[in-house]
Amino acid sequence: GASQKLGSDTPAAEDSAADSLEARSEFGRVVAEADGLRKSASKAGGAKSQVLEQAVSLYGEAERLRPRAAPEALYGLGVCLRKLGRFEDAVACFERCLAQIDQRSLDQRSIDQGGGVGSRPGSVWENLAATLVRLGKFEEAAHAYRRALELEPSPLEPALEPALEPGVQGRERVRVLEPTAARLKLEEGLRKAEAMAQEKSLRAAQGQGQGQGQGKGEEPEEAEVASARLKFGV
């Protein structure tokens, strides 16, 4: 009866729990290996793309191990895809990463203290913003920069005050003031994205007024996007 059914289900539940623990352990190992490749790619010279592709493969393997709980893998995968010029795929990864981060129970800072998704709370939004700029989606990029800024600590927070004291020098000063530098970088990115969005809007309006050029809502030509990025240094 019921006791027999319970007995038959229990081993399956235990197996499932064991598989889950094993999957988490293997997930951590694979992500760590992929992170190592991603961070070393800049020193790989002509083999940079090959190293990034290897990292992409490992991040994909990690995501398959924990398909509904893999923000670390999705973040790293997005960064690699952006560096490989696969911008649409990178945007999709960052958006999936954000969807998996439950703000009610998981602070981004806790995800990866080794320089990945959680070394700064707005890192996913910042990478998403930079990728959207590459696609010429300037208004969306500006929105992403604003979200990143919301997650960054304010330069006026009391925690930053000790770094301003005369006796605080060297690495400790840099470490404490790093959030301020990060925030200034985001503010600059937002300013540029807003300026490019405005320029794009003006071009579209001028084109409509002349009965030619891009229609409303269409993406700018690749040459125009490249020109805007060059002008604003992105």
C-alpha atoms as a PDB file:
ATOM      1  CA  GLY A   1       0.000   0.000   0.000  1.00  0.00           C
ATOM      2  CA  ALA A   2       1.121   3.446   0.912  1.00  0.00           C
ATOM      3  CA  SER A   3       4.161   2.214   2.851  1.00  0.00           C
ATOM      4  CA  GLN A   4       5.279   0.128  -0.124  1.00  0.00           C
ATOM      5  CA  LYS A   5       4.938   3.127  -2.443  1.00  0.00           C
ATOM      6  CA  LEU A   6       6.905   5.305  -0.023  1.00  0.00           C
ATOM      7  CA  GLY A   7       9.645   2.727   0.198  1.00  0.00           C
ATOM      8  CA  SER A   8       9.951   2.499  -3.567  1.00  0.00           C
ATOM      9  CA  ASP A   9      10.118   6.286  -3.955  1.00  0.00           C
ATOM     10  CA  THR A  10      12.720   6.919  -1.270  1.00  0.00           C
ATOM     11  CA  PRO A  11      15.752   5.477  -3.108  1.00  0.00           C
ATOM     12  CA  ALA A  12      14.894   7.568  -6.156  1.00  0.00           C
ATOM     13  CA  ALA A  13      14.721  10.704  -4.010  1.00  0.00           C
ATOM     14  CA  GLU A  14      18.077   9.845  -2.418  1.00  0.00           C
ATOM     15  CA  ASP A  15      19.610   9.247  -5.854  1.00  0.00           C
ATOM     16  CA  SER A  16      18.243  12.590  -7.003  1.00  0.00           C
ATOM     17  CA  ALA A  17      19.783  14.380  -4.010  1.00  0.00           C
ATOM     18  CA  ALA A  18      23.122  12.651  -4.611  1.00  0.00           C
ATOM     19  CA  ASP A  19      23.026  13.586  -8.285  1.00  0.00           C
ATOM     20  CA  SER A  20      22.305  17.182  -7.325  1.00  0.00           C
ATOM     21  CA  LEU A  21      25.298  17.359  -4.978  1.00  0.00           C
ATOM     22  CA  GLU A  22      27.496  15.693  -7.563  1.00  0.00           C
ATOM     23  CA  ALA A  23      26.261  18.076 -10.252  1.00  0.00           C
ATOM     24  CA  ARG A  24      26.993  21.116  -8.070  1.00  0.00           C
ATOM     25  CA  SER A  25      30.519  19.906  -7.399  1.00  0.00           C
ATOM     26  CA  GLU A  26      31.195  19.189 -11.063  1.00  0.00           C
ATOM     27  CA  PHE A  27      29.602  22.503 -12.019  1.00  0.00           C
ATOM     28  CA  GLY A  28      32.011  24.399  -9.767  1.00  0.00           C
ATOM     29  CA  ARG A  29      34.996  22.557 -11.203  1.00  0.00           C
ATOM     30  CA  VAL A  30      34.020  23.201 -14.819  1.00  0.00           C
ATOM     31  CA  VAL A  31      33.222  26.885 -14.224  1.00  0.00           C
ATOM     32  CA  ALA A  32      36.583  27.377 -12.473  1.00  0.00           C
ATOM     33  CA  GLU A  33      38.386  25.834 -15.440  1.00  0.00           C
ATOM     34  CA  ALA A  34      36.419  27.971 -17.888  1.00  0.00           C
ATOM     35  CA  ASP A  35      37.073  31.130 -15.831  1.00  0.00           C
ATOM     36  CA  GLY A  36      40.798  30.381 -15.936  1.00  0.00           C
ATOM     37  CA  LEU A  37      40.738  30.141 -19.716  1.00  0.00           C
ATOM     38  CA  ARG A  38      38.643  33.303 -20.078  1.00  0.00           C
ATOM     39  CA  LYS A  39      40.972  35.350 -17.900  1.00  0.00           C
ATOM     40  CA  SER A  40      44.098  34.028 -19.632  1.00  0.00           C
ATOM     41  CA  ALA A  41      42.811  34.665 -23.171  1.00  0.00           C
ATOM     42  CA  SER A  42      44.159  38.233 -23.271  1.00  0.00           C
ATOM     43  CA  LYS A  43      47.681  36.838 -22.896  1.00  0.00           C
ATOM     44  CA  ALA A  44      47.245  34.131 -25.533  1.00  0.00           C
ATOM     45  CA  GLY A  45      48.260  36.317 -28.487  1.00  0.00           C
ATOM     46  CA  GLY A  46      47.174  34.826 -31.794  1.00  0.00           C
ATOM     47  CA  ALA A  47      45.502  31.928 -29.983  1.00  0.00           C
ATOM     48  CA  LYS A  48      43.090  34.236 -28.117  1.00  0.00           C
ATOM     49  CA  SER A  49      40.022  33.213 -30.131  1.00  0.00           C
ATOM     50  CA  GLN A  50      40.857  29.529 -29.729  1.00  0.00           C
ATOM     51  CA  VAL A  51      41.195  29.899 -25.951  1.00  0.00           C
ATOM     52  CA  LEU A  52      37.885  31.772 -25.769  1.00  0.00           C
ATOM     53  CA  GLU A  53      36.164  29.066 -27.815  1.00  0.00           C
ATOM     54  CA  GLN A  54      37.467  26.458 -25.369  1.00  0.00           C
ATOM     55  CA  ALA A  55      36.015  28.489 -22.512  1.00  0.00           C
ATOM     56  CA  VAL A  56      32.694  28.776 -24.378  1.00  0.00           C
ATOM     57  CA  SER A  57      32.558  24.989 -24.644  1.00  0.00           C
ATOM     58  CA  LEU A  58      33.223  24.538 -20.929  1.00  0.00           C
ATOM     59  CA  TYR A  59      30.649  27.145 -19.906  1.00  0.00           C
ATOM     60  CA  GLY A  60      28.116  25.338 -22.078  1.00  0.00           C
ATOM     61  CA  GLU A  61      28.977  22.082 -20.325  1.00  0.00           C
ATOM     62  CA  ALA A  62      28.514  23.777 -16.937  1.00  0.00           C
ATOM     63  CA  GLU A  63      25.116  25.142 -17.906  1.00  0.00           C
ATOM     64  CA  ARG A  64      23.968  21.684 -18.958  1.00  0.00           C
ATOM     65  CA  LEU A  65      24.851  20.431 -15.472  1.00  0.00           C
ATOM     66  CA  ARG A  66      22.632  23.046 -13.799  1.00  0.00           C
ATOM     67  CA  PRO A  67      20.402  24.527 -16.502  1.00  0.00           C
ATOM     68  CA  ARG A  68      18.209  26.552 -14.126  1.00  0.00           C
ATOM     69  CA  ALA A  69      20.920  27.707 -11.697  1.00  0.00           C
ATOM     70  CA  ALA A  70      23.993  28.668 -13.677  1.00  0.00           C
ATOM     71  CA  PRO A  71      24.466  32.473 -13.502  1.00  0.00           C
ATOM     72  CA  GLU A  72      28.239  32.083 -13.157  1.00  0.00           C
ATOM     73  CA  ALA A  73      28.404  30.055 -16.360  1.00  0.00           C
ATOM     74  CA  LEU A  74      26.056  32.363 -18.243  1.00  0.00           C
ATOM     75  CA  TYR A  75      28.038  35.440 -17.215  1.00  0.00           C
ATOM     76  CA  GLY A  76      31.356  33.949 -18.312  1.00  0.00           C
ATOM     77  CA  LEU A  77      29.811  32.638 -21.507  1.00  0.00           C
ATOM     78  CA  GLY A  78      28.431  36.086 -22.307  1.00  0.00           C
ATOM     79  CA  VAL A  79      31.807  37.752 -21.772  1.00  0.00           C
ATOM     80  CA  CYS A  80      33.521  35.238 -24.065  1.00  0.00           C
ATOM     81  CA  LEU A  81      30.898  35.627 -26.783  1.00  0.00           C
ATOM     82  CA  ARG A  82      31.215  39.415 -26.611  1.00  0.00           C
ATOM     83  CA  LYS A  83      34.980  39.179 -27.017  1.00  0.00           C
ATOM     84  CA  LEU A  84      34.458  36.852 -29.985  1.00  0.00           C
ATOM     85  CA  GLY A  85      32.162  39.405 -31.647  1.00  0.00           C
ATOM     86  CA  ARG A  86      29.029  37.281 -31.216  1.00  0.00           C
ATOM     87  CA  PHE A  87      27.070  40.164 -29.737  1.00  0.00           C
ATOM     88  CA  GLU A  88      23.499  38.896 -30.144  1.00  0.00           C
ATOM     89  CA  ASP A  89      24.407  35.619 -28.443  1.00  0.00           C
ATOM     90  CA  ALA A  90      26.201  37.532 -25.673  1.00  0.00           C
ATOM     91  CA  VAL A  91      23.130  39.685 -24.998  1.00  0.00           C
ATOM     92  CA  ALA A  92      20.992  36.556 -24.720  1.00  0.00           C
ATOM     93  CA  CYS A  93      23.439  35.067 -22.178  1.00  0.00           C
ATOM     94  CA  PHE A  94      23.523  38.182 -20.014  1.00  0.00           C
ATOM     95  CA  GLU A  95      19.729  38.409 -20.053  1.00  0.00           C
ATOM     96  CA  ARG A  96      19.402  34.751 -19.047  1.00  0.00           C
ATOM     97  CA  CYS A  97      21.976  35.313 -16.311  1.00  0.00           C
ATOM     98  CA  LEU A  98      19.967  38.211 -14.903  1.00  0.00           C
ATOM     99  CA  ALA A  99      16.772  36.154 -15.079  1.00  0.00           C
ATOM    100  CA  GLN A 100      18.394  33.454 -12.921  1.00  0.00           C
ATOM    101  CA  ILE A 101      19.571  35.831 -10.215  1.00  0.00           C
ATOM    102  CA  ASP A 102      16.882  35.929  -7.569  1.00  0.00           C
ATOM    103  CA  GLN A 103      17.378  39.254  -5.817  1.00  0.00           C
ATOM    104  CA  ARG A 104      15.276  38.114  -2.862  1.00  0.00           C
ATOM    105  CA  SER A 105      17.701  35.399  -1.830  1.00  0.00           C
ATOM    106  CA  LEU A 106      20.916  35.847  -3.813  1.00  0.00           C
ATOM    107  CA  ASP A 107      23.109  38.938  -3.784  1.00  0.00           C
ATOM    108  CA  GLN A 108      25.234  39.208  -6.940  1.00  0.00           C
ATOM    109  CA  ARG A 109      28.273  39.849  -4.745  1.00  0.00           C
ATOM    110  CA  SER A 110      28.066  36.283  -3.416  1.00  0.00           C
ATOM    111  CA  ILE A 111      28.116  34.542  -6.776  1.00  0.00           C
ATOM    112  CA  ASP A 112      31.799  34.821  -7.593  1.00  0.00           C
ATOM    113  CA  GLN A 113      34.287  36.744  -5.489  1.00  0.00           C
ATOM    114  CA  GLY A 114      37.116  35.814  -7.872  1.00  0.00           C
ATOM    115  CA  GLY A 115      36.586  38.630 -10.363  1.00  0.00           C
ATOM    116  CA  GLY A 116      33.520  37.350 -12.165  1.00  0.00           C
ATOM    117  CA  VAL A 117      29.828  38.080 -11.862  1.00  0.00           C
ATOM    118  CA  GLY A 118      29.907  39.116  -8.220  1.00  0.00           C
ATOM    119  CA  SER A 119      33.121  41.079  -7.858  1.00  0.00           C
ATOM    120  CA  ARG A 120      30.922  44.128  -8.483  1.00  0.00           C
ATOM    121  CA  PRO A 121      27.136  43.991  -8.166  1.00  0.00           C
ATOM    122  CA  GLY A 122      26.461  45.763 -11.476  1.00  0.00           C
ATOM    123  CA  SER A 123      28.892  43.711 -13.553  1.00  0.00           C
ATOM    124  CA  VAL A 124      26.267  41.763 -15.509  1.00  0.00           C
ATOM    125  CA  TRP A 125      24.311  44.907 -16.367  1.00  0.00           C
ATOM    126  CA  GLU A 126      27.518  46.729 -17.346  1.00  0.00           C
ATOM    127  CA  ASN A 127      28.564  43.953 -19.729  1.00  0.00           C
ATOM    128  CA  LEU A 128      25.060  43.839 -21.176  1.00  0.00           C
ATOM    129  CA  ALA A 129      25.184  47.615 -21.722  1.00  0.00           C
ATOM    130  CA  ALA A 130      28.565  47.487 -23.470  1.00  0.00           C
ATOM    131  CA  THR A 131      27.330  44.699 -25.753  1.00  0.00           C
ATOM    132  CA  LEU A 132      24.157  46.585 -26.648  1.00  0.00           C
ATOM    133  CA  VAL A 133      26.302  49.570 -27.653  1.00  0.00           C
ATOM    134  CA  ARG A 134      28.157  47.287 -30.055  1.00  0.00           C
ATOM    135  CA  LEU A 135      24.807  46.409 -31.614  1.00  0.00           C
ATOM    136  CA  GLY A 136      23.789  50.051 -31.959  1.00  0.00           C
ATOM    137  CA  LYS A 137      20.970  49.599 -29.404  1.00  0.00           C
ATOM    138  CA  PHE A 138      21.836  52.780 -27.559  1.00  0.00           C
ATOM    139  CA  GLU A 139      18.587  53.361 -25.655  1.00  0.00           C
ATOM    140  CA  GLU A 140      18.636  49.815 -24.310  1.00  0.00           C
ATOM    141  CA  ALA A 141      22.307  50.260 -23.423  1.00  0.00           C
ATOM    142  CA  ALA A 142      21.508  53.438 -21.483  1.00  0.00           C
ATOM    143  CA  HIS A 143      18.838  51.555 -19.520  1.00  0.00           C
ATOM    144  CA  ALA A 144      21.345  48.791 -18.687  1.00  0.00           C
ATOM    145  CA  TYR A 145      23.921  51.354 -17.544  1.00  0.00           C
ATOM    146  CA  ARG A 146      21.294  52.918 -15.248  1.00  0.00           C
ATOM    147  CA  ARG A 147      20.555  49.518 -13.706  1.00  0.00           C
ATOM    148  CA  ALA A 148      24.277  48.920 -13.175  1.00  0.00           C
ATOM    149  CA  LEU A 149      24.582  52.284 -11.443  1.00  0.00           C
ATOM    150  CA  GLU A 150      21.668  51.440  -9.149  1.00  0.00           C
ATOM    151  CA  LEU A 151      23.608  48.404  -7.942  1.00  0.00           C
ATOM    152  CA  GLU A 152      26.913  50.233  -7.409  1.00  0.00           C
ATOM    153  CA  PRO A 153      27.703  51.734  -3.998  1.00  0.00           C
ATOM    154  CA  SER A 154      27.526  55.501  -3.798  1.00  0.00           C
ATOM    155  CA  PRO A 155      30.871  57.364  -3.616  1.00  0.00           C
ATOM    156  CA  LEU A 156      29.442  59.158  -0.569  1.00  0.00           C
ATOM    157  CA  GLU A 157      28.804  55.998   1.450  1.00  0.00           C
ATOM    158  CA  PRO A 158      30.490  56.029   4.908  1.00  0.00           C
ATOM    159  CA  ALA A 159      32.380  52.840   4.037  1.00  0.00           C
ATOM    160  CA  LEU A 160      34.501  54.831   1.571  1.00  0.00           C
ATOM    161  CA  GLU A 161      35.465  57.623   3.978  1.00  0.00           C
ATOM    162  CA  PRO A 162      38.483  55.868   5.600  1.00  0.00           C
ATOM    163  CA  ALA A 163      40.209  55.741   2.200  1.00  0.00           C
ATOM    164  CA  LEU A 164      40.183  59.534   2.087  1.00  0.00           C
ATOM    165  CA  GLU A 165      42.203  59.864   5.286  1.00  0.00           C
ATOM    166  CA  PRO A 166      45.858  60.914   4.789  1.00  0.00           C
ATOM    167  CA  GLY A 167      47.257  57.786   6.417  1.00  0.00           C
ATOM    168  CA  VAL A 168      45.541  55.369   4.039  1.00  0.00           C
ATOM    169  CA  GLN A 169      47.777  54.662   1.062  1.00  0.00           C
ATOM    170  CA  GLY A 170      48.717  52.004  -1.441  1.00  0.00           C
ATOM    171  CA  ARG A 171      46.636  48.940  -2.152  1.00  0.00           C
ATOM    172  CA  GLU A 172      44.220  49.549   0.711  1.00  0.00           C
ATOM    173  CA  ARG A 173      43.334  52.976  -0.656  1.00  0.00           C
ATOM    174  CA  VAL A 174      42.837  51.551  -4.149  1.00  0.00           C
ATOM    175  CA  ARG A 175      40.709  48.681  -2.833  1.00  0.00           C
ATOM    176  CA  VAL A 176      38.376  50.958  -0.884  1.00  0.00           C
ATOM    177  CA  LEU A 177      38.088  53.537  -3.643  1.00  0.00           C
ATOM    178  CA  GLU A 178      37.572  50.955  -6.415  1.00  0.00           C
ATOM    179  CA  PRO A 179      33.757  51.171  -6.223  1.00  0.00           C
ATOM    180  CA  THR A 180      33.983  54.922  -6.818  1.00  0.00           C
ATOM    181  CA  ALA A 181      36.150  54.404  -9.896  1.00  0.00           C
ATOM    182  CA  ALA A 182      33.725  51.741 -11.150  1.00  0.00           C
ATOM    183  CA  ARG A 183      30.809  54.095 -10.673  1.00  0.00           C
ATOM    184  CA  LEU A 184      32.550  56.885 -12.593  1.00  0.00           C
ATOM    185  CA  LYS A 185      33.181  54.444 -15.446  1.00  0.00           C
ATOM    186  CA  LEU A 186      29.498  53.520 -15.529  1.00  0.00           C
ATOM    187  CA  GLU A 187      28.433  57.157 -15.487  1.00  0.00           C
ATOM    188  CA  GLU A 188      30.692  57.820 -18.471  1.00  0.00           C
ATOM    189  CA  GLY A 189      29.225  54.823 -20.307  1.00  0.00           C
ATOM    190  CA  LEU A 190      25.714  56.062 -19.615  1.00  0.00           C
ATOM    191  CA  ARG A 191      26.553  59.550 -20.879  1.00  0.00           C
ATOM    192  CA  LYS A 192      27.932  58.151 -24.134  1.00  0.00           C
ATOM    193  CA  ALA A 193      24.999  55.769 -24.653  1.00  0.00           C
ATOM    194  CA  GLU A 194      22.490  58.573 -24.114  1.00  0.00           C
ATOM    195  CA  ALA A 195      24.366  60.832 -26.541  1.00  0.00           C
ATOM    196  CA  MET A 196      24.469  58.115 -29.192  1.00  0.00           C
ATOM    197  CA  ALA A 197      20.763  57.349 -28.680  1.00  0.00           C
ATOM    198  CA  GLN A 198      19.962  61.022 -29.202  1.00  0.00           C
ATOM    199  CA  GLU A 199      22.096  61.195 -32.336  1.00  0.00           C
ATOM    200  CA  LYS A 200      20.436  58.068 -33.716  1.00  0.00           C
ATOM    201  CA  SER A 201      16.987  59.551 -33.032  1.00  0.00           C
ATOM    202  CA  LEU A 202      17.904  62.803 -34.796  1.00  0.00           C
ATOM    203  CA  ARG A 203      19.203  60.908 -37.843  1.00  0.00           C
ATOM    204  CA  ALA A 204      15.977  58.919 -38.031  1.00  0.00           C
ATOM    205  CA  ALA A 205      13.879  62.081 -37.772  1.00  0.00           C
ATOM    206  CA  GLN A 206      15.916  63.799 -40.472  1.00  0.00           C
ATOM    207  CA  GLY A 207      15.610  60.770 -42.727  1.00  0.00           C
ATOM    208  CA  GLN A 208      11.832  60.722 -42.330  1.00  0.00           C
ATOM    209  CA  GLY A 209      11.621  64.453 -42.990  1.00  0.00           C
ATOM    210  CA  GLN A 210      13.465  64.007 -46.256  1.00  0.00           C
ATOM    211  CA  GLY A 211      11.449  60.962 -47.215  1.00  0.00           C
ATOM    212  CA  GLN A 212      14.517  58.751 -47.247  1.00  0.00           C
ATOM    213  CA  GLY A 213      16.968  57.000 -44.968  1.00  0.00           C
ATOM    214  CA  GLN A 214      16.047  54.684 -42.147  1.00  0.00           C
ATOM    215  CA  GLY A 215      12.482  54.153 -41.098  1.00  0.00           C
ATOM    216  CA  LYS A 216      11.382  54.589 -37.535  1.00  0.00           C
ATOM    217  CA  GLY A 217      12.529  51.760 -35.304  1.00  0.00           C
ATOM    218  CA  GLU A 218      15.028  50.339 -37.795  1.00  0.00           C
ATOM    219  CA  GLU A 219      18.575  49.653 -36.727  1.00  0.00           C
ATOM    220  CA  PRO A 220      21.325  51.979 -38.049  1.00  0.00           C
ATOM    221  CA  GLU A 221      23.635  50.788 -40.783  1.00  0.00           C
ATOM    222  CA  GLU A 222      26.834  49.090 -39.601  1.00  0.00           C
ATOM    223  CA  ALA A 223      28.974  51.999 -40.848  1.00  0.00           C
ATOM    224  CA  GLU A 224      26.901  54.478 -38.816  1.00  0.00           C
ATOM    225  CA  VAL A 225      27.208  52.393 -35.664  1.00  0.00           C
ATOM    226  CA  ALA A 226      30.974  52.163 -36.171  1.00  0.00           C
ATOM    227  CA  SER A 227      31.138  55.923 -36.686  1.00  0.00           C
ATOM    228  CA  ALA A 228      29.192  56.578 -33.481  1.00  0.00           C
ATOM    229  CA  ARG A 229      31.393  54.206 -31.458  1.00  0.00           C
ATOM    230  CA  LEU A 230      34.508  55.926 -32.818  1.00  0.00           C
ATOM    231  CA  LYS A 231      33.153  59.369 -32.034  1.00  0.00           C
ATOM    232  CA  PHE A 232      32.337  58.518 -28.431  1.00  0.00           C
ATOM    233  CA  GLY A 233      35.289  56.211 -27.847  1.00  0.00           C
ATOM    234  CA  VAL A 234      33.438  52.953 -27.216  1.00  0.00           C
END
